[in-house]
Amino acid sequence: MWYFTWILGIGLALAFGIINVMWLEAEMPSDNTDE
């Protein structure tokens, strides 16, 4: 059952990346709307 650990690892990596991006977006205030 190597595919189970493979899919689990990729799923965790994707989830970590998405959470990291969401956290960075929430941490950085985007007040650069000059239009």
Protein backbone atom coordinates (compact mmCIF):
# COMPACT_ATOMS: atom_id res chain seq x y z
CA MET A 1 0.00 0.00 0.00
CA TRP A 2 2.70 2.47 -1.00
CA TYR A 3 0.19 4.56 -2.96
CA PHE A 4 -1.70 5.36 0.25
CA THR A 5 1.33 6.98 1.88
CA TRP A 6 2.19 8.66 -1.44
CA ILE A 7 -1.28 10.22 -1.80
CA LEU A 8 -1.30 11.11 1.90
CA GLY A 9 2.08 12.85 1.62
CA ILE A 10 1.05 14.81 -1.47
CA GLY A 11 -2.27 15.74 0.15
CA LEU A 12 -0.49 16.99 3.26
CA ALA A 13 1.98 18.96 1.16
CA LEU A 14 -0.82 20.58 -0.86
CA ALA A 15 -2.81 21.36 2.29
CA PHE A 16 0.29 22.86 3.94
CA GLY A 17 0.97 25.02 0.90
CA ILE A 18 -2.62 26.25 0.71
CA ILE A 19 -2.72 27.01 4.44
CA ASN A 20 0.64 28.80 4.19
CA VAL A 21 -0.60 30.98 1.32
CA MET A 22 -3.86 31.76 3.14
CA TRP A 23 -1.93 32.65 6.32
CA LEU A 24 0.46 34.91 4.39
CA GLU A 25 -2.47 36.62 2.65
CA ALA A 26 -4.14 37.18 6.03
CA GLU A 27 -0.92 38.44 7.65
CA MET A 28 0.05 40.92 4.92
CA PRO A 29 -2.36 43.88 4.75
CA SER A 30 -2.94 44.79 1.11
CA ASP A 31 -3.52 48.54 1.35
CA ASN A 32 -1.87 49.27 -2.00
CA THR A 33 -5.09 50.08 -3.87
CA ASP A 34 -4.14 53.39 -5.46
CA GLU A 35 -6.89 53.29 -8.06
